[in-house]
Amino acid sequence: MASLLAPIMIPADALAQEARFERFSYQGRSQERVEAGPGEFRNPILSGYYPDPSVTRVGDDYYLVLSSFTHFPGLPIFQSKDLVSWRQIGNAIDRPGQLDFSGLAVSRGVFAPDISFHDGTFYIINTCVDCRGNFVITARDPAGPWSDPVWLSFEGIDPSIYWEGDRAFIVNNRAPDEPPLYDGHRAIWIQEYDWRAGKMVGESTQLVNGGVDRSTKPVWIEGPHIYKKDGWYYMTAAEGGTSVNHSQVVLRSKELRGPYVPFAGNPILTQRDLDPARADPVTSAGHAKLVQTQKGDWWATFLATRPYGDDLYNIGRETFLLPVTWREGWPIILDKGKPIPFVLPRPNLPAQPAPALPTSGDFGYVDEFDGDRLAMQWIGVRTPKTSFHRVIGGELLLEAGSPLGTTDGVPGFVGRRQQHHVATVATTVRFTPERDGDRAGLAAMQSDEANLFFGITRIGGKRSIALYTRAKGTERLVASAPLADSAALTLTIRADAGRMAFDYTGNGETRTLADNVDVRFLSTREAGGFVGTVIGPYVGR
């Protein structure tokens, strides 16, 4: 089957309702007014919806893989030489035949991948939630292509591979070996993986039941990783759930299968004890993975959020970087009571030039659609059975798909992550609606039940500009105005934290259709789920 990114030639008269888009632009700035000076870097290192980072080093190169749920292509892969300047090199899930997200809500699908390297091959182990469970894919080149999944026979989520010599062990979150004592009671287990045969072997051993202190009824211990240092096996894991109570804990053992003893100073990373009313807060920190540089230093990638209000953030969970300090045999990511810094000294690695497409700080970009396929940063929703777009002569031609608001099918939508709370997004659209309800323009999508549409439609037989919002599954027409002619329109969305404004330009005249629109319904707190807002061209009804 054709990839979403692959060009496909279809006669124009064979297409369903279609719109043409020109020049997609994005400009964003951080709400925190801080700057990195010489020898410093800026957190987060990946702005916007890039959660559950897993990092590995191969020689002098570092690689990251991130969660993508049912967005397609999925599991974005980044490369760096200094842990600071990252560039996307591929998507591990880029063919419809690899995984099928049909019928799944946006925040299902692929959760918390882990990347590792052994004997010339890269491995990603992952869980496809509600779509067959745990699997491994492999590649000789991290940019791809990645293999089809090898499905594994164990329960749970968040697997990672620990390599010891030529043997592999999978550690992950599973149900405890007793009836759960409370909601969120989980356990960490380990089992050997025969990587040559692609199957689990031997017994499965429970390493941690509940968390580091059962008396406190800890919840959702997950995302485990094992490292060996100075004769000790260290296991780090997230605890508390991936929201404001998120944290990272560590335990250690002299034997791979335990018993593991928790660090008395746990957690080794959290922000839950800080004043939530502090200026420019970073919250929900956890799901860390440690990596040792070629110079012997240790660093941790992890997820956190930057709310603009009371646990309100529309851009999703982001990737941060902090140094790891070893004290009396234990790793510390951040001392208790300290806020995560936005600016800190760079790793002791050769500094690299800023990437052509920045991922951190204030930045913008323009996509002129001047190739023959979409760039790898574009994503859609669920797995396309056939390609529904073409890139030709500086235009994106997008065909109507399933409507927003339903999990049935694939919407005629491709977008880019909103990476800043303060951002401006614009594109030019040419579209003639044939029936009332036909639409083409920009959509901002957090989920099937939380999204908005701004663009050209037909209302009462008249071509119109309109803004529709959908919160908790209910759509509402916010504003509309008739259009005098069939000229192309440039659509602009101006986001400022939990508010948006909507401008349109035609025949040299710019008007504002709606201003100061409350879009907190796109925040994770309101919409639920695990993703951030994705904005881009949409054609549908």
Protein backbone atom coordinates (compact mmCIF):
# COMPACT_ATOMS: atom_id res chain seq x y z
CA MET A 1 0.00 0.00 0.00
CA ALA A 2 1.11 3.57 -0.56
CA SER A 3 2.50 5.53 2.36
CA LEU A 4 0.79 8.72 3.48
CA LEU A 5 4.02 10.50 2.55
CA ALA A 6 4.48 8.88 -0.84
CA PRO A 7 3.36 10.77 -3.95
CA ILE A 8 0.55 9.13 -5.88
CA MET A 9 -0.75 10.20 -9.27
CA ILE A 10 -4.53 10.23 -9.58
CA PRO A 11 -6.44 11.78 -12.48
CA ALA A 12 -8.01 15.02 -11.28
CA ASP A 13 -11.46 14.05 -12.55
CA ALA A 14 -11.34 10.84 -10.50
CA LEU A 15 -11.03 12.65 -7.20
CA ALA A 16 -13.79 13.42 -4.74
CA GLN A 17 -14.19 16.94 -3.35
CA GLU A 18 -10.71 18.41 -3.24
CA ALA A 19 -9.01 21.61 -2.10
CA ARG A 20 -5.69 23.20 -3.01
CA PHE A 21 -3.40 24.65 -0.37
CA GLU A 22 -0.37 26.86 -0.83
CA ARG A 23 2.41 27.80 1.58
CA PHE A 24 1.94 26.66 5.17
CA SER A 25 3.71 28.93 7.66
CA TYR A 26 4.30 28.68 11.40
CA GLN A 27 5.82 31.18 13.82
CA GLY A 28 5.99 30.54 17.55
CA ARG A 29 7.52 31.92 20.70
CA SER A 30 7.78 30.60 24.22
CA GLN A 31 5.77 32.22 26.97
CA GLU A 32 8.90 32.17 29.16
CA ARG A 33 11.13 35.04 28.11
CA VAL A 34 14.54 33.44 28.60
CA GLU A 35 17.49 33.11 26.27
CA ALA A 36 20.35 30.61 26.17
CA GLY A 37 23.77 32.26 26.12
CA PRO A 38 27.12 30.95 24.86
CA GLY A 39 27.76 27.43 26.14
CA GLU A 40 24.14 26.99 27.23
CA PHE A 41 21.05 25.23 25.87
CA ARG A 42 17.32 25.77 26.15
CA ASN A 43 14.71 23.42 27.59
CA PRO A 44 12.59 21.82 26.29
CA ILE A 45 14.86 20.31 23.64
CA LEU A 46 11.79 19.20 21.64
CA SER A 47 8.97 21.72 21.95
CA GLY A 48 5.37 20.63 21.72
CA TYR A 49 3.81 17.19 21.42
CA TYR A 50 6.87 14.93 21.70
CA PRO A 51 6.21 12.73 24.77
CA ASP A 52 7.79 9.61 26.29
CA PRO A 53 11.33 10.18 24.97
CA SER A 54 13.64 7.18 24.72
CA VAL A 55 17.29 7.93 23.98
CA THR A 56 20.22 5.73 23.02
CA ARG A 57 23.82 6.37 21.94
CA VAL A 58 25.66 4.59 19.14
CA GLY A 59 29.24 5.80 18.92
CA ASP A 60 29.11 9.60 18.77
CA ASP A 61 25.47 9.72 17.68
CA TYR A 62 22.36 9.96 19.82
CA TYR A 63 18.89 8.86 18.77
CA LEU A 64 15.44 9.63 20.19
CA VAL A 65 12.12 7.97 19.55
CA LEU A 66 8.80 9.44 20.78
CA SER A 67 5.21 8.32 21.28
CA SER A 68 2.71 9.17 18.53
CA PHE A 69 -0.47 7.22 19.46
CA THR A 70 -2.71 6.96 16.36
CA HIS A 71 -1.05 9.74 14.39
CA PHE A 72 0.44 8.50 11.13
CA PRO A 73 3.23 8.34 10.15
CA GLY A 74 4.25 7.48 13.70
CA LEU A 75 7.14 7.00 16.12
CA PRO A 76 9.28 9.94 14.97
CA ILE A 77 13.05 9.35 15.09
CA PHE A 78 15.51 12.17 15.88
CA GLN A 79 19.33 12.27 15.69
CA SER A 80 21.88 14.47 17.45
CA LYS A 81 25.58 14.60 18.24
CA ASP A 82 25.36 16.94 21.23
CA LEU A 83 22.02 16.00 22.89
CA VAL A 84 20.82 19.55 22.21
CA SER A 85 20.51 20.09 18.44
CA TRP A 86 18.08 17.48 17.13
CA ARG A 87 16.88 16.78 13.60
CA GLN A 88 14.17 14.37 12.59
CA ILE A 89 15.50 11.64 10.31
CA GLY A 90 12.43 9.48 9.88
CA ASN A 91 9.28 7.86 11.19
CA ALA A 92 9.53 4.23 12.25
CA ILE A 93 5.86 3.61 11.34
CA ASP A 94 5.51 4.92 7.81
CA ARG A 95 3.62 2.20 5.89
CA PRO A 96 -0.05 1.29 6.28
CA GLY A 97 0.92 -2.37 6.36
CA GLN A 98 2.92 -2.03 9.58
CA LEU A 99 0.13 -1.15 12.02
CA ASP A 100 -3.60 -0.63 11.64
CA PHE A 101 -5.14 2.13 13.78
CA SER A 102 -8.59 1.79 12.19
CA GLY A 103 -11.40 2.73 14.54
CA LEU A 104 -9.07 3.86 17.33
CA ALA A 105 -9.35 7.16 19.17
CA VAL A 106 -6.43 9.57 18.81
CA SER A 107 -4.87 8.74 22.21
CA ARG A 108 -4.75 4.98 21.66
CA GLY A 109 -2.23 3.25 19.38
CA VAL A 110 1.51 3.37 20.02
CA PHE A 111 2.53 4.30 23.57
CA ALA A 112 6.02 4.83 25.04
CA PRO A 113 8.49 3.28 22.57
CA ASP A 114 12.02 2.31 23.58
CA ILE A 115 15.02 2.39 21.23
CA SER A 116 18.22 0.36 21.62
CA PHE A 117 21.08 -0.95 19.48
CA HIS A 118 22.70 -4.38 19.32
CA ASP A 119 24.98 -6.14 16.84
CA GLY A 120 24.52 -3.63 14.04
CA THR A 121 20.73 -3.39 14.39
CA PHE A 122 18.42 -0.82 15.96
CA TYR A 123 15.47 -2.12 17.95
CA ILE A 124 12.26 -0.36 18.90
CA ILE A 125 10.03 -2.19 21.34
CA ASN A 126 6.58 -0.76 21.84
CA THR A 127 2.96 -1.34 22.78
CA CYS A 128 0.08 -0.83 20.37
CA VAL A 129 -2.80 -0.22 22.77
CA ASP A 130 -6.08 -1.72 21.52
CA CYS A 131 -4.25 -3.03 18.45
CA ARG A 132 -2.57 -6.37 19.25
CA GLY A 133 -0.26 -5.42 22.13
CA ASN A 134 3.54 -5.54 22.34
CA PHE A 135 5.89 -5.76 19.39
CA VAL A 136 9.45 -5.22 18.16
CA ILE A 137 10.54 -3.56 14.93
CA THR A 138 14.13 -3.37 13.67
CA ALA A 139 16.27 -1.40 11.22
CA ARG A 140 19.90 -1.32 10.18
CA ASP A 141 19.57 2.42 9.55
CA PRO A 142 17.57 4.40 12.16
CA ALA A 143 16.23 6.61 9.37
CA GLY A 144 14.47 3.50 8.06
CA PRO A 145 12.98 1.51 6.62
CA TRP A 146 11.87 -0.27 9.80
CA SER A 147 10.60 -3.82 9.68
CA ASP A 148 7.06 -5.03 10.10
CA PRO A 149 6.21 -5.80 13.73
CA VAL A 150 7.20 -9.01 15.46
CA TRP A 151 4.40 -9.53 17.99
CA LEU A 152 5.32 -10.68 21.49
CA SER A 153 3.40 -12.78 24.00
CA PHE A 154 3.33 -10.78 27.21
CA GLU A 155 0.80 -8.51 28.87
CA GLY A 156 1.21 -4.86 29.83
CA ILE A 157 2.72 -1.67 28.42
CA ASP A 158 5.94 0.37 28.30
CA PRO A 159 8.47 -2.38 27.48
CA SER A 160 12.20 -1.71 27.14
CA ILE A 161 15.09 -3.99 26.24
CA TYR A 162 18.07 -4.46 28.53
CA TRP A 163 21.04 -5.96 26.69
CA GLU A 164 23.61 -7.99 28.62
CA GLY A 165 26.27 -9.36 26.34
CA ASP A 166 24.43 -11.24 23.62
CA ARG A 167 21.27 -11.73 25.68
CA ALA A 168 18.21 -9.52 25.79
CA PHE A 169 15.70 -9.02 28.59
CA ILE A 170 12.42 -7.19 28.38
CA VAL A 171 11.26 -5.20 31.40
CA ASN A 172 7.79 -3.65 31.45
CA ASN A 173 4.65 -2.65 33.36
CA ARG A 174 2.27 -5.56 33.92
CA ALA A 175 -0.46 -6.49 36.39
CA PRO A 176 0.84 -7.54 39.84
CA ASP A 177 0.98 -11.20 40.86
CA GLU A 178 -2.02 -10.64 43.15
CA PRO A 179 -5.43 -9.02 42.73
CA PRO A 180 -4.87 -5.24 42.47
CA LEU A 181 -5.27 -3.58 45.85
CA TYR A 182 -6.26 -0.16 44.48
CA ASP A 183 -6.76 1.69 41.21
CA GLY A 184 -3.39 2.15 39.52
CA HIS A 185 -1.73 -0.77 41.34
CA ARG A 186 0.76 -2.13 38.80
CA ALA A 187 4.07 -4.01 38.83
CA ILE A 188 7.34 -4.23 36.91
CA TRP A 189 8.32 -7.59 35.43
CA ILE A 190 11.28 -8.99 33.50
CA GLN A 191 11.56 -11.86 31.02
CA GLU A 192 14.22 -12.96 28.56
CA TYR A 193 13.73 -12.20 24.87
CA ASP A 194 15.26 -14.46 22.22
CA TRP A 195 16.07 -11.74 19.75
CA ARG A 196 17.19 -14.19 17.07
CA ALA A 197 13.93 -16.14 17.16
CA GLY A 198 11.78 -13.10 17.99
CA LYS A 199 10.00 -14.65 20.97
CA MET A 200 9.87 -14.60 24.75
CA VAL A 201 11.63 -17.42 26.61
CA GLY A 202 12.00 -18.57 30.20
CA GLU A 203 10.21 -17.44 33.29
CA SER A 204 8.76 -14.01 33.94
CA THR A 205 9.87 -12.44 37.25
CA GLN A 206 8.15 -9.67 39.16
CA LEU A 207 10.72 -7.06 40.20
CA VAL A 208 8.59 -4.34 41.82
CA ASN A 209 5.04 -4.64 43.14
CA GLY A 210 3.17 -1.35 43.31
CA GLY A 211 6.10 1.04 43.56
CA VAL A 212 8.91 2.11 45.85
CA ASP A 213 6.73 2.38 48.97
CA ARG A 214 3.65 0.14 49.04
CA SER A 215 2.38 1.80 52.23
CA THR A 216 1.60 4.96 50.25
CA LYS A 217 -0.37 3.06 47.56
CA PRO A 218 1.81 4.30 44.69
CA VAL A 219 0.12 4.34 41.30
CA TRP A 220 1.11 3.59 37.74
CA ILE A 221 4.71 2.49 38.06
CA GLU A 222 5.69 2.28 34.39
CA GLY A 223 8.29 3.10 31.75
CA PRO A 224 11.08 0.99 33.36
CA HIS A 225 14.68 0.91 32.17
CA ILE A 226 17.62 -1.12 33.50
CA TYR A 227 21.29 -0.06 33.49
CA LYS A 228 24.39 -1.71 34.93
CA LYS A 229 27.04 0.39 36.69
CA ASP A 230 29.80 -0.51 39.16
CA GLY A 231 28.42 -3.98 39.77
CA TRP A 232 24.85 -2.81 40.43
CA TYR A 233 21.71 -3.17 38.33
CA TYR A 234 19.74 0.07 38.46
CA MET A 235 16.10 0.20 37.48
CA THR A 236 14.46 3.55 36.94
CA ALA A 237 10.73 3.96 36.38
CA ALA A 238 8.02 6.58 36.31
CA GLU A 239 5.54 6.67 39.18
CA GLY A 240 2.41 8.69 39.98
CA GLY A 241 0.81 8.87 36.54
CA THR A 242 1.72 11.17 33.67
CA SER A 243 0.13 14.33 35.11
CA VAL A 244 0.91 16.68 38.00
CA ASN A 245 1.94 13.81 40.33
CA HIS A 246 4.41 12.37 37.83
CA SER A 247 7.88 11.43 39.10
CA GLN A 248 10.91 9.28 38.41
CA VAL A 249 12.18 6.71 40.93
CA VAL A 250 15.18 4.38 41.09
CA LEU A 251 15.93 1.01 42.69
CA ARG A 252 18.99 -1.22 42.54
CA SER A 253 20.07 -4.83 42.95
CA LYS A 254 23.19 -6.96 42.75
CA GLU A 255 21.26 -9.47 40.61
CA LEU A 256 19.34 -8.78 37.42
CA ARG A 257 16.20 -10.46 38.73
CA GLY A 258 16.40 -8.78 42.12
CA PRO A 259 15.61 -8.19 44.84
CA TYR A 260 15.57 -4.46 44.03
CA VAL A 261 15.94 -1.98 46.88
CA PRO A 262 14.53 1.54 46.43
CA PHE A 263 16.66 4.64 46.91
CA ALA A 264 15.86 6.30 50.23
CA GLY A 265 15.92 9.70 48.51
CA ASN A 266 13.26 8.90 45.89
CA PRO A 267 11.95 10.44 43.73
CA ILE A 268 15.02 11.45 41.72
CA LEU A 269 12.91 13.79 39.57
CA THR A 270 9.56 15.45 40.17
CA GLN A 271 7.88 18.86 40.22
CA ARG A 272 4.80 17.86 42.21
CA ASP A 273 6.06 19.41 45.46
CA LEU A 274 6.49 22.91 44.01
CA ASP A 275 3.98 25.75 44.25
CA PRO A 276 1.64 25.33 41.26
CA ALA A 277 1.11 29.13 41.23
CA ARG A 278 4.80 29.85 40.60
CA ALA A 279 5.79 31.84 37.51
CA ASP A 280 6.46 29.88 34.31
CA PRO A 281 5.97 26.43 35.84
CA VAL A 282 7.20 23.17 34.41
CA THR A 283 5.05 20.29 35.63
CA SER A 284 4.34 16.57 35.21
CA ALA A 285 8.02 15.62 34.91
CA GLY A 286 8.88 11.95 34.60
CA HIS A 287 9.24 9.04 32.18
CA ALA A 288 13.00 9.51 32.05
CA LYS A 289 15.67 7.50 30.29
CA LEU A 290 19.36 7.83 31.12
CA VAL A 291 22.21 7.80 28.62
CA GLN A 292 25.97 7.89 29.16
CA THR A 293 28.04 10.00 26.78
CA GLN A 294 31.23 8.82 25.13
CA LYS A 295 33.04 11.03 27.67
CA GLY A 296 31.48 9.24 30.63
CA ASP A 297 28.88 11.84 31.65
CA TRP A 298 25.26 10.88 32.29
CA TRP A 299 22.18 12.73 31.06
CA ALA A 300 18.44 12.09 31.18
CA THR A 301 15.73 12.80 28.66
CA PHE A 302 12.23 13.00 30.11
CA LEU A 303 8.80 14.44 29.50
CA ALA A 304 7.28 17.47 31.19
CA THR A 305 4.68 20.13 30.45
CA ARG A 306 4.55 23.94 30.43
CA PRO A 307 1.03 24.96 31.46
CA TYR A 308 -0.29 28.45 30.75
CA GLY A 309 -2.81 28.13 33.56
CA ASP A 310 -4.07 25.68 36.16
CA ASP A 311 -2.71 22.49 34.55
CA LEU A 312 -3.84 23.83 31.16
CA TYR A 313 -1.65 23.20 28.14
CA ASN A 314 -2.72 22.75 24.52
CA ILE A 315 0.66 21.72 23.09
CA GLY A 316 1.03 18.38 24.84
CA ARG A 317 3.89 16.81 26.75
CA GLU A 318 7.39 17.84 25.67
CA THR A 319 10.97 16.47 25.83
CA PHE A 320 13.42 17.96 28.34
CA LEU A 321 17.09 17.25 29.12
CA LEU A 322 18.96 17.37 32.44
CA PRO A 323 22.37 16.15 33.65
CA VAL A 324 22.50 13.15 35.99
CA THR A 325 24.67 13.34 39.11
CA TRP A 326 25.77 10.13 40.86
CA ARG A 327 25.92 10.44 44.66
CA GLU A 328 26.86 7.58 46.96
CA GLY A 329 25.94 5.07 44.29
CA TRP A 330 22.62 6.58 43.22
CA PRO A 331 21.65 8.71 40.17
CA ILE A 332 19.99 12.09 40.83
CA ILE A 333 18.33 13.96 37.97
CA LEU A 334 17.13 16.96 39.99
CA ASP A 335 17.34 17.76 43.68
CA LYS A 336 14.04 17.91 45.51
CA GLY A 337 12.39 21.32 45.63
CA LYS A 338 14.24 22.66 42.59
CA PRO A 339 12.36 23.81 39.49
CA ILE A 340 13.43 22.40 36.15
CA PRO A 341 15.69 25.04 34.59
CA PHE A 342 14.94 26.45 31.16
CA VAL A 343 18.60 27.31 30.52
CA LEU A 344 21.66 25.37 31.66
CA PRO A 345 25.20 24.47 30.49
CA ARG A 346 25.45 22.33 27.39
CA PRO A 347 26.72 18.75 27.58
CA ASN A 348 30.48 18.30 27.24
CA LEU A 349 30.13 17.29 23.61
CA PRO A 350 31.13 18.99 20.35
CA ALA A 351 28.48 21.66 19.81
CA GLN A 352 26.56 21.26 16.59
CA PRO A 353 25.02 23.99 14.43
CA ALA A 354 21.36 24.71 14.94
CA PRO A 355 19.21 22.39 12.80
CA ALA A 356 17.56 23.74 9.67
CA LEU A 357 14.20 23.08 11.34
CA PRO A 358 14.59 24.16 15.00
CA THR A 359 12.99 22.17 17.80
CA SER A 360 13.63 24.43 20.78
CA GLY A 361 13.15 28.07 21.79
CA ASP A 362 11.44 30.62 19.54
CA PHE A 363 11.29 29.59 15.89
CA GLY A 364 9.28 29.50 12.71
CA TYR A 365 9.27 27.78 9.36
CA VAL A 366 7.56 27.86 5.97
CA ASP A 367 6.60 24.85 3.88
CA GLU A 368 6.17 25.86 0.26
CA PHE A 369 5.03 22.38 -0.82
CA ASP A 370 7.80 22.53 -3.40
CA GLY A 371 8.75 18.86 -3.49
CA ASP A 372 6.80 15.81 -4.62
CA ARG A 373 5.75 14.64 -1.15
CA LEU A 374 5.07 16.00 2.30
CA ALA A 375 7.95 16.47 4.70
CA MET A 376 8.28 13.84 7.44
CA GLN A 377 6.96 16.28 10.08
CA TRP A 378 3.43 16.12 8.63
CA ILE A 379 1.06 13.68 10.32
CA GLY A 380 -2.50 12.53 9.85
CA VAL A 381 -4.95 10.63 12.02
CA ARG A 382 -5.18 6.83 11.88
CA THR A 383 -3.83 4.56 9.17
CA PRO A 384 -4.74 5.56 5.61
CA LYS A 385 -5.83 2.69 3.36
CA THR A 386 -5.05 4.76 0.28
CA SER A 387 -3.25 8.05 -0.23
CA PHE A 388 -5.56 11.07 -0.08
CA HIS A 389 -3.21 13.87 -1.07
CA ARG A 390 -0.78 14.98 -3.75
CA VAL A 391 2.01 17.57 -3.70
CA ILE A 392 2.38 19.12 -7.14
CA GLY A 393 3.89 22.40 -8.34
CA GLY A 394 3.95 24.15 -4.97
CA GLU A 395 0.47 23.04 -3.99
CA LEU A 396 -0.94 20.47 -1.61
CA LEU A 397 -4.02 18.88 -3.16
CA LEU A 398 -6.09 17.34 -0.39
CA GLU A 399 -9.08 15.07 -0.90
CA ALA A 400 -12.06 14.92 1.46
CA GLY A 401 -12.10 12.04 3.92
CA SER A 402 -14.06 11.10 6.99
CA PRO A 403 -15.46 14.07 8.93
CA LEU A 404 -13.87 15.31 12.11
CA GLY A 405 -15.64 14.03 15.18
CA THR A 406 -15.74 10.34 14.35
CA THR A 407 -13.27 7.47 14.67
CA ASP A 408 -14.70 5.86 11.55
CA GLY A 409 -12.17 6.16 8.76
CA VAL A 410 -9.41 8.69 8.14
CA PRO A 411 -10.14 12.44 7.95
CA GLY A 412 -8.85 14.45 5.00
CA PHE A 413 -6.37 16.12 7.33
CA VAL A 414 -2.61 16.55 7.60
CA GLY A 415 -1.04 18.77 10.19
CA ARG A 416 2.00 19.88 12.12
CA ARG A 417 2.38 20.00 15.87
CA GLN A 418 1.57 23.27 17.62
CA GLN A 419 4.92 23.71 19.40
CA HIS A 420 4.33 26.97 21.29
CA HIS A 421 1.45 28.40 23.27
CA VAL A 422 2.00 31.68 21.41
CA ALA A 423 1.93 30.87 17.71
CA THR A 424 0.69 32.03 14.32
CA VAL A 425 -0.28 29.51 11.64
CA ALA A 426 -1.32 30.43 8.10
CA THR A 427 -2.06 28.87 4.73
CA THR A 428 -3.81 29.79 1.49
CA VAL A 429 -6.73 27.65 0.30
CA ARG A 430 -8.66 27.42 -2.99
CA PHE A 431 -11.96 25.60 -2.65
CA THR A 432 -15.48 25.66 -4.09
CA PRO A 433 -17.93 23.76 -1.85
CA GLU A 434 -20.46 21.79 -3.85
CA ARG A 435 -22.99 21.17 -1.05
CA ASP A 436 -23.94 22.76 2.21
CA GLY A 437 -21.51 21.50 4.83
CA ASP A 438 -18.55 20.89 2.51
CA ARG A 439 -15.45 22.39 4.15
CA ALA A 440 -11.81 23.16 3.44
CA GLY A 441 -9.40 25.18 5.54
CA LEU A 442 -7.41 24.80 8.74
CA ALA A 443 -8.26 22.36 11.49
CA ALA A 444 -6.77 22.36 14.98
CA MET A 445 -7.17 18.87 16.38
CA GLN A 446 -6.49 17.48 19.83
CA SER A 447 -8.84 14.52 19.46
CA ASP A 448 -11.91 13.36 17.59
CA GLU A 449 -14.02 15.02 20.30
CA ALA A 450 -11.92 18.20 20.74
CA ASN A 451 -11.08 20.14 17.59
CA LEU A 452 -11.99 23.17 15.51
CA PHE A 453 -12.36 24.08 11.86
CA PHE A 454 -11.72 27.49 10.28
CA GLY A 455 -12.17 27.97 6.56
CA ILE A 456 -14.43 27.90 3.53
CA THR A 457 -17.78 26.13 3.61
CA ARG A 458 -21.29 26.49 2.19
CA ILE A 459 -24.12 27.62 4.47
CA GLY A 460 -27.67 28.01 3.13
CA GLY A 461 -26.40 27.64 -0.43
CA LYS A 462 -23.83 30.45 -0.03
CA ARG A 463 -20.07 30.15 -0.03
CA SER A 464 -18.99 31.35 3.42
CA ILE A 465 -16.11 31.65 5.83
CA ALA A 466 -16.84 29.93 9.13
CA LEU A 467 -15.41 28.87 12.47
CA TYR A 468 -16.73 25.70 14.09
CA THR A 469 -15.56 24.35 17.44
CA ARG A 470 -16.10 20.88 18.85
CA ALA A 471 -15.72 20.37 22.61
CA LYS A 472 -16.55 17.08 24.34
CA GLY A 473 -18.00 15.87 21.04
CA THR A 474 -20.46 18.75 20.52
CA GLU A 475 -19.95 20.99 17.51
CA ARG A 476 -20.90 24.68 17.56
CA LEU A 477 -20.85 27.34 14.85
CA VAL A 478 -18.98 30.22 16.48
CA ALA A 479 -18.99 32.72 13.61
CA SER A 480 -19.56 32.91 9.86
CA ALA A 481 -19.70 35.46 7.06
CA PRO A 482 -20.66 35.21 3.36
CA LEU A 483 -17.90 35.37 0.77
CA ALA A 484 -18.48 37.65 -2.21
CA ASP A 485 -16.53 35.59 -4.75
CA SER A 486 -14.58 32.38 -5.27
CA ALA A 487 -11.13 33.90 -4.74
CA ALA A 488 -8.46 32.08 -2.78
CA LEU A 489 -8.32 32.90 0.92
CA THR A 490 -5.33 33.10 3.23
CA LEU A 491 -6.36 31.76 6.63
CA THR A 492 -4.48 32.76 9.77
CA ILE A 493 -4.86 31.37 13.28
CA ARG A 494 -3.28 33.36 16.11
CA ALA A 495 -2.88 31.35 19.30
CA ASP A 496 -2.14 32.88 22.68
CA ALA A 497 -2.30 30.33 25.49
CA GLY A 498 -5.97 29.38 25.86
CA ARG A 499 -7.26 31.90 23.31
CA MET A 500 -7.23 32.06 19.52
CA ALA A 501 -8.07 34.63 16.86
CA PHE A 502 -9.06 33.84 13.27
CA ASP A 503 -8.24 36.11 10.30
CA TYR A 504 -8.88 35.68 6.59
CA THR A 505 -7.44 37.59 3.64
CA GLY A 506 -8.91 37.73 0.14
CA ASN A 507 -8.40 40.16 -2.71
CA GLY A 508 -5.88 42.07 -0.59
CA GLU A 509 -8.27 42.72 2.31
CA THR A 510 -7.87 41.15 5.77
CA ARG A 511 -10.75 40.66 8.17
CA THR A 512 -11.04 39.02 11.57
CA LEU A 513 -13.86 36.49 11.75
CA ALA A 514 -13.52 35.81 15.48
CA ASP A 515 -11.20 37.08 18.21
CA ASN A 516 -10.43 36.01 21.76
CA VAL A 517 -12.04 32.60 21.29
CA ASP A 518 -11.69 30.32 24.32
CA VAL A 519 -9.85 27.18 23.16
CA ARG A 520 -9.10 25.62 26.52
CA PHE A 521 -11.14 22.69 25.25
CA LEU A 522 -7.99 21.75 23.29
CA SER A 523 -6.00 21.38 26.51
CA THR A 524 -5.19 17.95 27.89
CA ARG A 525 -7.03 18.73 31.11
CA GLU A 526 -10.25 19.43 29.23
CA ALA A 527 -9.93 17.03 26.30
CA GLY A 528 -8.18 14.16 28.06
CA GLY A 529 -5.77 11.83 26.33
CA PHE A 530 -2.02 12.08 25.87
CA VAL A 531 -1.45 14.18 22.76
CA GLY A 532 -1.04 17.85 21.85
CA THR A 533 -2.82 20.01 19.30
CA VAL A 534 -2.01 19.39 15.64
CA ILE A 535 -2.88 22.14 13.12
CA GLY A 536 -3.08 21.86 9.36
CA PRO A 537 -5.14 21.64 6.15
CA TYR A 538 -8.46 19.79 6.27
CA VAL A 539 -11.10 18.89 3.69
CA GLY A 540 -14.36 17.24 4.68
CA ARG A 541 -17.89 17.87 5.90
